PDB file of N, CA and C in Angstrom:
ATOM      1  N   MET A   1       4.958   9.477  17.585  1.00  0.00           N
ATOM      2  CA  MET A   1       5.469   9.918  16.181  1.00  0.00           C
ATOM      3  C   MET A   1       3.991  10.413  14.983  1.00  0.00           C
ATOM      4  N   ASN A   2       4.433  11.671  14.909  1.00  0.00           N
ATOM      5  CA  ASN A   2       4.212  11.812  13.430  1.00  0.00           C
ATOM      6  C   ASN A   2       3.867  11.026  12.087  1.00  0.00           C
ATOM      7  N   ARG A   3       2.236  10.720  11.649  1.00  0.00           N
ATOM      8  CA  ARG A   3       2.520   9.734  10.281  1.00  0.00           C
ATOM      9  C   ARG A   3       2.144  10.678   9.501  1.00  0.00           C
ATOM     10  N   ASN A   4       2.514  10.172   8.204  1.00  0.00           N
ATOM     11  CA  ASN A   4       2.446  10.811   7.144  1.00  0.00           C
ATOM     12  C   ASN A   4       2.033  10.298   5.634  1.00  0.00           C
ATOM     13  N   GLY A   5       1.833   9.818   5.497  1.00  0.00           N
ATOM     14  CA  GLY A   5       1.835   9.111   3.809  1.00  0.00           C
ATOM     15  C   GLY A   5       0.921   7.897   3.832  1.00  0.00           C
ATOM     16  N   ILE A   6       0.230   7.449   2.690  1.00  0.00           N
ATOM     17  CA  ILE A   6      -0.262   6.575   2.129  1.00  0.00           C
ATOM     18  C   ILE A   6       0.490   5.304   1.312  1.00  0.00           C
ATOM     19  N   TYR A   7       0.227   4.253   2.054  1.00  0.00           N
ATOM     20  CA  TYR A   7       0.710   3.476   1.956  1.00  0.00           C
ATOM     21  C   TYR A   7       0.127   2.323   1.187  1.00  0.00           C
ATOM     22  N   ILE A   8       0.080   1.756  -0.518  1.00  0.00           N
ATOM     23  CA  ILE A   8      -0.363   1.081  -0.898  1.00  0.00           C
ATOM     24  C   ILE A   8      -0.195  -0.702  -0.714  1.00  0.00           C
ATOM     25  N   SER A   9      -1.666  -1.393  -0.802  1.00  0.00           N
ATOM     26  CA  SER A   9      -1.443  -2.514  -0.276  1.00  0.00           C
ATOM     27  C   SER A   9      -2.344  -3.069  -0.973  1.00  0.00           C
ATOM     28  N   GLY A  10      -1.919  -4.252  -1.947  1.00  0.00           N
ATOM     29  CA  GLY A  10      -2.707  -5.278  -2.054  1.00  0.00           C
ATOM     30  C   GLY A  10      -1.773  -6.564  -2.868  1.00  0.00           C
ATOM     31  N   ALA A  11      -2.060  -7.674  -3.892  1.00  0.00           N
ATOM     32  CA  ALA A  11      -1.628  -8.671  -3.691  1.00  0.00           C
ATOM     33  C   ALA A  11      -0.067  -8.609  -4.629  1.00  0.00           C
ATOM     34  N   VAL A  12       0.868  -9.119  -4.273  1.00  0.00           N
ATOM     35  CA  VAL A  12       2.142  -9.449  -4.521  1.00  0.00           C
ATOM     36  C   VAL A  12       2.393 -10.605  -4.968  1.00  0.00           C
ATOM     37  N   THR A  13       2.269 -11.674  -4.186  1.00  0.00           N
ATOM     38  CA  THR A  13       2.685 -13.042  -4.400  1.00  0.00           C
ATOM     39  C   THR A  13       1.949 -14.220  -5.235  1.00  0.00           C
ATOM     40  N   GLY A  14       2.308 -13.903  -6.484  1.00  0.00           N
ATOM     41  CA  GLY A  14       1.972 -14.861  -7.291  1.00  0.00           C
ATOM     42  C   GLY A  14       0.663 -14.294  -8.165  1.00  0.00           C
ATOM     43  N   ALA A  15       0.364 -12.657  -7.967  1.00  0.00           N
ATOM     44  CA  ALA A  15      -0.078 -11.987  -8.650  1.00  0.00           C
ATOM     45  C   ALA A  15       0.180 -11.526 -10.003  1.00  0.00           C
ATOM     46  N   GLU A  16       0.195 -11.746 -11.401  1.00  0.00           N
ATOM     47  CA  GLU A  16       0.556 -11.325 -12.378  1.00  0.00           C
ATOM     48  C   GLU A  16       0.288  -9.736 -12.529  1.00  0.00           C
ATOM     49  N   GLY A  17       1.416  -9.038 -13.049  1.00  0.00           N
ATOM     50  CA  GLY A  17       0.804  -7.735 -13.712  1.00  0.00           C
ATOM     51  C   GLY A  17       1.148  -7.033 -12.378  1.00  0.00           C
ATOM     52  N   TYR A  18       1.684  -7.749 -11.221  1.00  0.00           N
ATOM     53  CA  TYR A  18       1.438  -6.687  -9.923  1.00  0.00           C
ATOM     54  C   TYR A  18       1.889  -5.090 -10.180  1.00  0.00           C
ATOM     55  N   GLU A  19       2.808  -5.307 -10.626  1.00  0.00           N
ATOM     56  CA  GLU A  19       4.022  -4.368 -10.668  1.00  0.00           C
ATOM     57  C   GLU A  19       3.306  -2.949 -11.196  1.00  0.00           C
ATOM     58  N   GLU A  20       2.117  -3.382 -12.627  1.00  0.00           N
ATOM     59  CA  GLU A  20       1.620  -2.325 -13.134  1.00  0.00           C
ATOM     60  C   GLU A  20       0.634  -1.521 -12.012  1.00  0.00           C
ATOM     61  N   ARG A  21      -0.326  -2.883 -11.248  1.00  0.00           N
ATOM     62  CA  ARG A  21      -1.063  -2.488 -10.553  1.00  0.00           C
ATOM     63  C   ARG A  21      -0.991  -1.591  -9.550  1.00  0.00           C
ATOM     64  N   PHE A  22      -0.043  -1.533  -8.960  1.00  0.00           N
ATOM     65  CA  PHE A  22       0.674  -0.641  -7.740  1.00  0.00           C
ATOM     66  C   PHE A  22       0.760   0.709  -8.871  1.00  0.00           C
ATOM     67  N   ALA A  23       1.704   0.482  -9.320  1.00  0.00           N
ATOM     68  CA  ALA A  23       2.406   1.481 -10.439  1.00  0.00           C
ATOM     69  C   ALA A  23       1.004   2.853 -10.656  1.00  0.00           C
ATOM     70  N   ASN A  24       0.398   2.284 -11.373  1.00  0.00           N
ATOM     71  CA  ASN A  24      -1.075   2.856 -11.528  1.00  0.00           C
ATOM     72  C   ASN A  24      -1.646   3.673 -10.143  1.00  0.00           C
ATOM     73  N   ALA A  25      -1.860   2.828  -9.586  1.00  0.00           N
ATOM     74  CA  ALA A  25      -2.425   3.172  -7.872  1.00  0.00           C
ATOM     75  C   ALA A  25      -1.176   4.361  -7.017  1.00  0.00           C
ATOM     76  N   GLU A  26      -0.250   4.340  -7.919  1.00  0.00           N
ATOM     77  CA  GLU A  26       0.829   5.234  -7.198  1.00  0.00           C
ATOM     78  C   GLU A  26       0.700   6.778  -7.724  1.00  0.00           C
ATOM     79  N   ASN A  27       0.203   6.612  -9.273  1.00  0.00           N
ATOM     80  CA  ASN A  27       0.205   7.832 -10.262  1.00  0.00           C
ATOM     81  C   ASN A  27      -0.957   8.307  -9.566  1.00  0.00           C
ATOM     82  N   ILE A  28      -2.078   7.904  -9.369  1.00  0.00           N
ATOM     83  CA  ILE A  28      -3.778   8.142  -9.050  1.00  0.00           C
ATOM     84  C   ILE A  28      -3.425   9.208  -7.794  1.00  0.00           C
ATOM     85  N   ILE A  29      -2.838   8.038  -6.967  1.00  0.00           N
ATOM     86  CA  ILE A  29      -2.457   8.734  -5.492  1.00  0.00           C
ATOM     87  C   ILE A  29      -2.245   9.996  -5.633  1.00  0.00           C
ATOM     88  N   LYS A  30      -0.426  10.277  -6.144  1.00  0.00           N
ATOM     89  CA  LYS A  30       0.165  11.556  -6.301  1.00  0.00           C
ATOM     90  C   LYS A  30      -0.816  12.968  -6.898  1.00  0.00           C
ATOM     91  N   GLU A  31      -1.529  12.508  -7.674  1.00  0.00           N
ATOM     92  CA  GLU A  31      -2.288  13.243  -8.399  1.00  0.00           C
ATOM     93  C   GLU A  31      -3.667  13.800  -7.626  1.00  0.00           C
ATOM     94  N   ALA A  32      -4.012  12.728  -6.694  1.00  0.00           N
ATOM     95  CA  ALA A  32      -4.835  12.879  -5.680  1.00  0.00           C
ATOM     96  C   ALA A  32      -4.793  13.782  -4.691  1.00  0.00           C
ATOM     97  N   PHE A  33      -3.071  13.810  -3.959  1.00  0.00           N
ATOM     98  CA  PHE A  33      -3.015  14.094  -3.311  1.00  0.00           C
ATOM     99  C   PHE A  33      -1.253  14.433  -3.292  1.00  0.00           C
ATOM    100  N   PRO A  34      -1.184  15.474  -4.010  1.00  0.00           N
ATOM    101  CA  PRO A  34       0.167  16.629  -4.346  1.00  0.00           C
ATOM    102  C   PRO A  34       0.821  16.842  -3.327  1.00  0.00           C
ATOM    103  N   GLY A  35       2.358  16.405  -3.185  1.00  0.00           N
ATOM    104  CA  GLY A  35       3.105  16.586  -2.058  1.00  0.00           C
ATOM    105  C   GLY A  35       3.032  15.304  -0.640  1.00  0.00           C
ATOM    106  N   LYS A  36       1.823  14.465  -0.879  1.00  0.00           N
ATOM    107  CA  LYS A  36       1.673  13.646   0.399  1.00  0.00           C
ATOM    108  C   LYS A  36       2.922  12.211  -0.072  1.00  0.00           C
ATOM    109  N   PRO A  37       3.756  12.113   0.666  1.00  0.00           N
ATOM    110  CA  PRO A  37       4.647  10.546   0.552  1.00  0.00           C
ATOM    111  C   PRO A  37       3.776   9.335   0.379  1.00  0.00           C
ATOM    112  N   VAL A  38       3.988   8.561  -0.909  1.00  0.00           N
ATOM    113  CA  VAL A  38       3.417   7.180  -1.445  1.00  0.00           C
ATOM    114  C   VAL A  38       4.216   6.564  -0.811  1.00  0.00           C
ATOM    115  N   PHE A  39       4.370   5.393  -0.103  1.00  0.00           N
ATOM    116  CA  PHE A  39       4.637   3.930  -0.091  1.00  0.00           C
ATOM    117  C   PHE A  39       4.132   3.283  -1.115  1.00  0.00           C
ATOM    118  N   ASN A  40       5.101   2.917  -1.940  1.00  0.00           N
ATOM    119  CA  ASN A  40       4.838   1.583  -3.259  1.00  0.00           C
ATOM    120  C   ASN A  40       5.361   0.515  -2.907  1.00  0.00           C
ATOM    121  N   PRO A  41       5.376  -0.544  -2.011  1.00  0.00           N
ATOM    122  CA  PRO A  41       5.793  -2.011  -1.938  1.00  0.00           C
ATOM    123  C   PRO A  41       6.509  -2.511  -3.308  1.00  0.00           C
ATOM    124  N   ALA A  42       5.653  -2.227  -4.175  1.00  0.00           N
ATOM    125  CA  ALA A  42       5.951  -3.288  -5.283  1.00  0.00           C
ATOM    126  C   ALA A  42       7.446  -2.463  -5.990  1.00  0.00           C
ATOM    127  N   ALA A  43       7.482  -1.359  -6.184  1.00  0.00           N
ATOM    128  CA  ALA A  43       8.638  -0.329  -6.214  1.00  0.00           C
ATOM    129  C   ALA A  43      10.000  -1.030  -5.424  1.00  0.00           C
ATOM    130  N   PHE A  44       9.571  -1.371  -4.181  1.00  0.00           N
ATOM    131  CA  PHE A  44      10.513  -1.051  -2.927  1.00  0.00           C
ATOM    132  C   PHE A  44      11.198  -2.550  -3.301  1.00  0.00           C
ATOM    133  N   ILE A  45      10.448  -3.566  -3.637  1.00  0.00           N
ATOM    134  CA  ILE A  45      10.478  -5.197  -3.680  1.00  0.00           C
ATOM    135  C   ILE A  45      11.355  -5.292  -5.239  1.00  0.00           C
ATOM    136  N   LYS A  46      10.840  -4.232  -6.067  1.00  0.00           N
ATOM    137  CA  LYS A  46      11.831  -4.510  -7.567  1.00  0.00           C
ATOM    138  C   LYS A  46      13.360  -4.169  -7.273  1.00  0.00           C
ATOM    139  N   GLY A  47      13.960  -3.103  -6.208  1.00  0.00           N
ATOM    140  CA  GLY A  47      14.986  -2.984  -5.934  1.00  0.00           C
ATOM    141  C   GLY A  47      15.399  -3.851  -5.378  1.00  0.00           C
ATOM    142  N   TYR A  48      15.266  -5.170  -5.211  1.00  0.00           N
ATOM    143  CA  TYR A  48      16.164  -6.702  -4.557  1.00  0.00           C
ATOM    144  C   TYR A  48      16.109  -7.769  -5.444  1.00  0.00           C
ATOM    145  N   PRO A  49      17.271  -7.637  -6.383  1.00  0.00           N
ATOM    146  CA  PRO A  49      16.986  -8.514  -7.754  1.00  0.00           C
ATOM    147  C   PRO A  49      17.231  -9.686  -6.937  1.00  0.00           C
ATOM    148  N   ASN A  50      17.554 -10.672  -5.999  1.00  0.00           N
ATOM    149  CA  ASN A  50      17.216 -11.654  -5.346  1.00  0.00           C
ATOM    150  C   ASN A  50      15.611 -12.124  -4.720  1.00  0.00           C
ATOM    151  N   ARG A  51      15.332 -11.340  -4.398  1.00  0.00           N
ATOM    152  CA  ARG A  51      13.758 -11.492  -4.075  1.00  0.00           C
ATOM    153  C   ARG A  51      14.361 -11.817  -2.338  1.00  0.00           C
ATOM    154  N   MET A  52      13.959 -10.475  -1.248  1.00  0.00           N
ATOM    155  CA  MET A  52      14.238 -11.127   0.396  1.00  0.00           C
ATOM    156  C   MET A  52      12.884 -12.146   0.511  1.00  0.00           C
ATOM    157  N   ALA A  53      13.036 -12.824   1.488  1.00  0.00           N
ATOM    158  CA  ALA A  53      12.331 -13.688   2.304  1.00  0.00           C
ATOM    159  C   ALA A  53      11.078 -13.240   2.187  1.00  0.00           C
ATOM    160  N   TYR A  54       9.714 -13.763   2.125  1.00  0.00           N
ATOM    161  CA  TYR A  54       8.281 -13.232   2.612  1.00  0.00           C
ATOM    162  C   TYR A  54       8.276 -12.667   3.911  1.00  0.00           C
ATOM    163  N   GLU A  55       8.733 -13.335   5.081  1.00  0.00           N
ATOM    164  CA  GLU A  55       8.750 -12.714   6.329  1.00  0.00           C
ATOM    165  C   GLU A  55       9.301 -11.564   6.727  1.00  0.00           C
ATOM    166  N   THR A  56      10.551 -11.165   6.242  1.00  0.00           N
ATOM    167  CA  THR A  56      11.531 -10.441   6.028  1.00  0.00           C
ATOM    168  C   THR A  56      11.087  -9.254   5.094  1.00  0.00           C
ATOM    169  N   CYS A  57      10.374  -9.383   4.009  1.00  0.00           N
ATOM    170  CA  CYS A  57       9.875  -8.038   3.339  1.00  0.00           C
ATOM    171  C   CYS A  57       8.441  -7.803   4.057  1.00  0.00           C
ATOM    172  N   MET A  58       7.604  -8.618   4.675  1.00  0.00           N
ATOM    173  CA  MET A  58       6.520  -8.514   5.473  1.00  0.00           C
ATOM    174  C   MET A  58       7.076  -7.511   6.587  1.00  0.00           C
ATOM    175  N   GLU A  59       7.920  -7.701   7.518  1.00  0.00           N
ATOM    176  CA  GLU A  59       8.447  -6.835   8.429  1.00  0.00           C
ATOM    177  C   GLU A  59       8.923  -5.313   7.797  1.00  0.00           C
ATOM    178  N   ILE A  60       9.371  -5.626   6.828  1.00  0.00           N
ATOM    179  CA  ILE A  60      10.029  -4.040   6.172  1.00  0.00           C
ATOM    180  C   ILE A  60       8.440  -3.090   5.838  1.00  0.00           C
ATOM    181  N   CYS A  61       7.649  -3.606   5.435  1.00  0.00           N
ATOM    182  CA  CYS A  61       6.534  -3.434   4.875  1.00  0.00           C
ATOM    183  C   CYS A  61       6.062  -2.775   6.097  1.00  0.00           C
ATOM    184  N   ILE A  62       5.468  -3.251   7.246  1.00  0.00           N
ATOM    185  CA  ILE A  62       4.601  -3.083   8.114  1.00  0.00           C
ATOM    186  C   ILE A  62       5.387  -1.894   8.754  1.00  0.00           C
ATOM    187  N   ASN A  63       7.215  -2.228   8.957  1.00  0.00           N
ATOM    188  CA  ASN A  63       7.779  -0.791   9.427  1.00  0.00           C
ATOM    189  C   ASN A  63       6.950   0.470   8.644  1.00  0.00           C
ATOM    190  N   ALA A  64       7.252   0.332   7.219  1.00  0.00           N
ATOM    191  CA  ALA A  64       7.321   1.282   6.627  1.00  0.00           C
ATOM    192  C   ALA A  64       5.537   1.986   6.680  1.00  0.00           C
ATOM    193  N   LEU A  65       4.549   1.038   6.703  1.00  0.00           N
ATOM    194  CA  LEU A  65       3.373   1.311   7.018  1.00  0.00           C
ATOM    195  C   LEU A  65       2.654   2.315   8.500  1.00  0.00           C
ATOM    196  N   SER A  66       3.816   1.766   9.273  1.00  0.00           N
ATOM    197  CA  SER A  66       3.488   2.606  10.798  1.00  0.00           C
ATOM    198  C   SER A  66       3.815   4.076  10.669  1.00  0.00           C
ATOM    199  N   TYR A  67       4.939   4.605   9.690  1.00  0.00           N
ATOM    200  CA  TYR A  67       4.877   5.978   9.470  1.00  0.00           C
ATOM    201  C   TYR A  67       4.146   6.411   8.261  1.00  0.00           C
ATOM    202  N   CYS A  68       3.073   5.564   8.102  1.00  0.00           N
ATOM    203  CA  CYS A  68       1.500   6.427   7.419  1.00  0.00           C
ATOM    204  C   CYS A  68       0.368   6.467   8.156  1.00  0.00           C
ATOM    205  N   ASP A  69      -0.168   7.401   7.528  1.00  0.00           N
ATOM    206  CA  ASP A  69      -1.540   7.560   8.231  1.00  0.00           C
ATOM    207  C   ASP A  69      -2.488   7.655   7.194  1.00  0.00           C
ATOM    208  N   THR A  70      -2.774   6.645   6.040  1.00  0.00           N
ATOM    209  CA  THR A  70      -3.236   6.322   4.938  1.00  0.00           C
ATOM    210  C   THR A  70      -2.509   4.786   4.524  1.00  0.00           C
ATOM    211  N   ILE A  71      -3.830   3.692   4.491  1.00  0.00           N
ATOM    212  CA  ILE A  71      -3.272   2.859   3.676  1.00  0.00           C
ATOM    213  C   ILE A  71      -4.552   2.673   2.350  1.00  0.00           C
ATOM    214  N   TYR A  72      -3.493   2.606   0.920  1.00  0.00           N
ATOM    215  CA  TYR A  72      -4.923   2.374  -0.040  1.00  0.00           C
ATOM    216  C   TYR A  72      -4.916   0.663  -0.837  1.00  0.00           C
ATOM    217  N   MET A  73      -5.710   0.259  -0.474  1.00  0.00           N
ATOM    218  CA  MET A  73      -6.222  -1.273  -0.622  1.00  0.00           C
ATOM    219  C   MET A  73      -6.677  -1.330  -1.586  1.00  0.00           C
ATOM    220  N   LEU A  74      -5.827  -2.502  -2.896  1.00  0.00           N
ATOM    221  CA  LEU A  74      -6.299  -2.357  -4.222  1.00  0.00           C
ATOM    222  C   LEU A  74      -7.132  -3.170  -4.099  1.00  0.00           C
ATOM    223  N   SER A  75      -7.957  -3.352  -5.377  1.00  0.00           N
ATOM    224  CA  SER A  75      -8.830  -4.069  -5.101  1.00  0.00           C
ATOM    225  C   SER A  75      -8.645  -6.011  -5.267  1.00  0.00           C
ATOM    226  N   ASP A  76      -7.214  -6.114  -5.284  1.00  0.00           N
ATOM    227  CA  ASP A  76      -7.398  -7.577  -5.136  1.00  0.00           C
ATOM    228  C   ASP A  76      -6.755  -8.231  -3.727  1.00  0.00           C
ATOM    229  N   TRP A  77      -6.884  -6.970  -2.658  1.00  0.00           N
ATOM    230  CA  TRP A  77      -6.233  -6.936  -1.139  1.00  0.00           C
ATOM    231  C   TRP A  77      -6.795  -8.299  -0.650  1.00  0.00           C
ATOM    232  N   LYS A  78      -8.110  -8.323  -0.705  1.00  0.00           N
ATOM    233  CA  LYS A  78      -8.552  -9.962  -0.107  1.00  0.00           C
ATOM    234  C   LYS A  78      -7.957 -11.068  -0.588  1.00  0.00           C
ATOM    235  N   SER A  79      -7.467 -11.351  -1.637  1.00  0.00           N
ATOM    236  CA  SER A  79      -7.146 -12.805  -1.772  1.00  0.00           C
ATOM    237  C   SER A  79      -5.361 -12.729  -1.452  1.00  0.00           C
ATOM    238  N   SER A  80      -4.908 -11.470  -1.066  1.00  0.00           N
ATOM    239  CA  SER A  80      -2.972 -11.790  -0.502  1.00  0.00           C
ATOM    240  C   SER A  80      -3.303 -11.320   1.268  1.00  0.00           C
ATOM    241  N   LYS A  81      -2.404 -12.751   1.497  1.00  0.00           N
ATOM    242  CA  LYS A  81      -2.035 -13.012   2.993  1.00  0.00           C
ATOM    243  C   LYS A  81      -1.720 -11.891   3.598  1.00  0.00           C
ATOM    244  N   GLY A  82      -0.536 -10.894   2.746  1.00  0.00           N
ATOM    245  CA  GLY A  82       0.368 -10.144   3.248  1.00  0.00           C
ATOM    246  C   GLY A  82      -0.665  -8.801   3.610  1.00  0.00           C
ATOM    247  N   ALA A  83      -1.572  -8.927   2.424  1.00  0.00           N
ATOM    248  CA  ALA A  83      -2.386  -7.130   2.313  1.00  0.00           C
ATOM    249  C   ALA A  83      -3.573  -7.608   3.728  1.00  0.00           C
ATOM    250  N   ASN A  84      -3.699  -8.795   3.997  1.00  0.00           N
ATOM    251  CA  ASN A  84      -4.719  -8.344   5.120  1.00  0.00           C
ATOM    252  C   ASN A  84      -3.905  -8.453   5.987  1.00  0.00           C
ATOM    253  N   ARG A  85      -2.933  -8.729   6.315  1.00  0.00           N
ATOM    254  CA  ARG A  85      -2.335  -8.355   7.680  1.00  0.00           C
ATOM    255  C   ARG A  85      -1.915  -7.104   8.038  1.00  0.00           C
ATOM    256  N   GLU A  86      -1.804  -6.544   6.364  1.00  0.00           N
ATOM    257  CA  GLU A  86      -1.631  -4.659   6.613  1.00  0.00           C
ATOM    258  C   GLU A  86      -2.945  -4.218   6.445  1.00  0.00           C
ATOM    259  N   TYR A  87      -4.096  -4.362   6.334  1.00  0.00           N
ATOM    260  CA  TYR A  87      -5.299  -4.027   6.427  1.00  0.00           C
ATOM    261  C   TYR A  87      -5.574  -4.422   8.037  1.00  0.00           C
ATOM    262  N   GLY A  88      -5.175  -5.605   8.435  1.00  0.00           N
ATOM    263  CA  GLY A  88      -5.254  -5.735   9.897  1.00  0.00           C
ATOM    264  C   GLY A  88      -4.660  -4.564  10.729  1.00  0.00           C
ATOM    265  N   TYR A  89      -3.430  -4.344  10.160  1.00  0.00           N
ATOM    266  CA  TYR A  89      -2.671  -3.633  11.056  1.00  0.00           C
ATOM    267  C   TYR A  89      -2.881  -1.614  11.064  1.00  0.00           C
ATOM    268  N   ALA A  90      -3.802  -1.630   9.925  1.00  0.00           N
ATOM    269  CA  ALA A  90      -4.298  -0.153   9.841  1.00  0.00           C
ATOM    270  C   ALA A  90      -5.933  -0.131  10.447  1.00  0.00           C
ATOM    271  N   LEU A  91      -6.261  -1.636  10.241  1.00  0.00           N
ATOM    272  CA  LEU A  91      -7.760  -1.234  11.854  1.00  0.00           C
ATOM    273  C   LEU A  91      -7.098  -0.792  12.736  1.00  0.00           C
ATOM    274  N   GLY A  92      -6.173  -1.491  13.543  1.00  0.00           N
ATOM    275  CA  GLY A  92      -5.711  -1.965  14.886  1.00  0.00           C
ATOM    276  C   GLY A  92      -5.371  -0.526  14.970  1.00  0.00           C
ATOM    277  N   SER A  93      -4.659   0.315  14.121  1.00  0.00           N
ATOM    278  CA  SER A  93      -3.763   2.027  14.270  1.00  0.00           C
ATOM    279  C   SER A  93      -4.882   3.306  14.113  1.00  0.00           C
ATOM    280  N   ASP A  94      -6.217   2.756  13.498  1.00  0.00           N
ATOM    281  CA  ASP A  94      -6.819   3.630  13.691  1.00  0.00           C
ATOM    282  C   ASP A  94      -6.535   4.508  12.375  1.00  0.00           C
ATOM    283  N   MET A  95      -5.888   4.323  11.011  1.00  0.00           N
ATOM    284  CA  MET A  95      -5.677   4.636  10.011  1.00  0.00           C
ATOM    285  C   MET A  95      -6.673   5.206   9.108  1.00  0.00           C
ATOM    286  N   THR A  96      -6.716   6.148   8.503  1.00  0.00           N
ATOM    287  CA  THR A  96      -7.775   5.731   6.766  1.00  0.00           C
ATOM    288  C   THR A  96      -7.514   5.313   5.682  1.00  0.00           C
ATOM    289  N   ILE A  97      -8.289   4.148   5.395  1.00  0.00           N
ATOM    290  CA  ILE A  97      -8.710   3.288   4.758  1.00  0.00           C
ATOM    291  C   ILE A  97      -9.154   3.798   3.496  1.00  0.00           C
ATOM    292  N   ILE A  98      -8.554   3.571   2.320  1.00  0.00           N
ATOM    293  CA  ILE A  98      -9.406   3.924   1.234  1.00  0.00           C
ATOM    294  C   ILE A  98      -9.237   3.062   0.469  1.00  0.00           C
ATOM    295  N   PHE A  99     -10.149   1.946  -0.355  1.00  0.00           N
ATOM    296  CA  PHE A  99     -10.746   1.426  -1.153  1.00  0.00           C
ATOM    297  C   PHE A  99     -10.387   1.376  -2.445  1.00  0.00           C
ATOM    298  N   GLU A 100     -10.086   0.804  -3.671  1.00  0.00           N
ATOM    299  CA  GLU A 100      -9.852   1.416  -4.953  1.00  0.00           C
ATOM    300  C   GLU A 100     -10.835   1.034  -5.442  1.00  0.00           C
ATOM    301  N   ASP A 101     -11.908  -0.042  -5.280  1.00  0.00           N
ATOM    302  CA  ASP A 101     -13.063  -0.476  -5.524  1.00  0.00           C
ATOM    303  C   ASP A 101     -14.149   0.888  -5.128  1.00  0.00           C
ATOM    304  N   GLU A 102     -14.523   1.710  -3.976  1.00  0.00           N
ATOM    305  CA  GLU A 102     -14.731   2.285  -3.766  1.00  0.00           C
ATOM    306  C   GLU A 102     -14.602   3.777  -3.819  1.00  0.00           C
ATOM    307  N   TYR A 103     -13.282   3.682  -4.559  1.00  0.00           N
ATOM    308  CA  TYR A 103     -12.301   5.303  -4.751  1.00  0.00           C
ATOM    309  C   TYR A 103     -12.923   5.956  -5.306  1.00  0.00           C
ATOM    310  N   ASP A 104     -13.077   7.597  -5.290  1.00  0.00           N
ATOM    311  CA  ASP A 104     -13.552   8.552  -6.233  1.00  0.00           C
ATOM    312  C   ASP A 104     -12.931   9.863  -5.348  1.00  0.00           C
ATOM    313  N   PRO A 105     -11.831  10.033  -6.541  1.00  0.00           N
ATOM    314  CA  PRO A 105     -10.736  11.105  -5.687  1.00  0.00           C
ATOM    315  C   PRO A 105     -11.564  12.472  -5.961  1.00  0.00           C
ATOM    316  N   LYS A 106     -12.652  12.568  -6.266  1.00  0.00           N
ATOM    317  CA  LYS A 106     -13.374  13.988  -6.122  1.00  0.00           C
ATOM    318  C   LYS A 106     -13.971  14.177  -4.382  1.00  0.00           C
ATOM    319  N   GLU A 107     -14.403  12.827  -4.249  1.00  0.00           N
ATOM    320  CA  GLU A 107     -15.128  12.667  -3.247  1.00  0.00           C
ATOM    321  C   GLU A 107     -13.753  12.769  -1.641  1.00  0.00           C
ATOM    322  N   VAL A 108     -12.433  12.701  -1.960  1.00  0.00           N
ATOM    323  CA  VAL A 108     -11.560  12.161  -0.897  1.00  0.00           C
ATOM    324  C   VAL A 108     -11.091  13.492  -0.690  1.00  0.00           C
ATOM    325  N   GLU A 109     -10.218  13.816   0.336  1.00  0.00           N
ATOM    326  CA  GLU A 109      -9.821  14.951   0.746  1.00  0.00           C
ATOM    327  C   GLU A 109      -8.720  14.689   1.685  1.00  0.00           C
ATOM    328  N   ALA A 110      -7.498  15.431   1.454  1.00  0.00           N
ATOM    329  CA  ALA A 110      -6.196  15.024   1.905  1.00  0.00           C
ATOM    330  C   ALA A 110      -6.076  15.439   3.433  1.00  0.00           C
TER     331      ALA A 110
END
């Protein structure tokens, strides 16, 4: 499989303001990596008015992550069970991992 894209990972469940944090990260990534696909799970989840079951959402998110070659970990990721699962998947898949807390757009190449 040809993987290409950046997946945003961070706390969603019980995290206030997560939609804005994910949207800000998406804008930063799009500016730093023009033309590279970005998967923002917060925007995806928002499209489901009745909120799907947690495990269903995680299955869809891990599937989306499998098509990406990079994961962007928001600063709150350690407090999220789902983001920890996504991080583990990224480690096991030898993906590029970018941590928001350590990220400097001038130092990272696409």
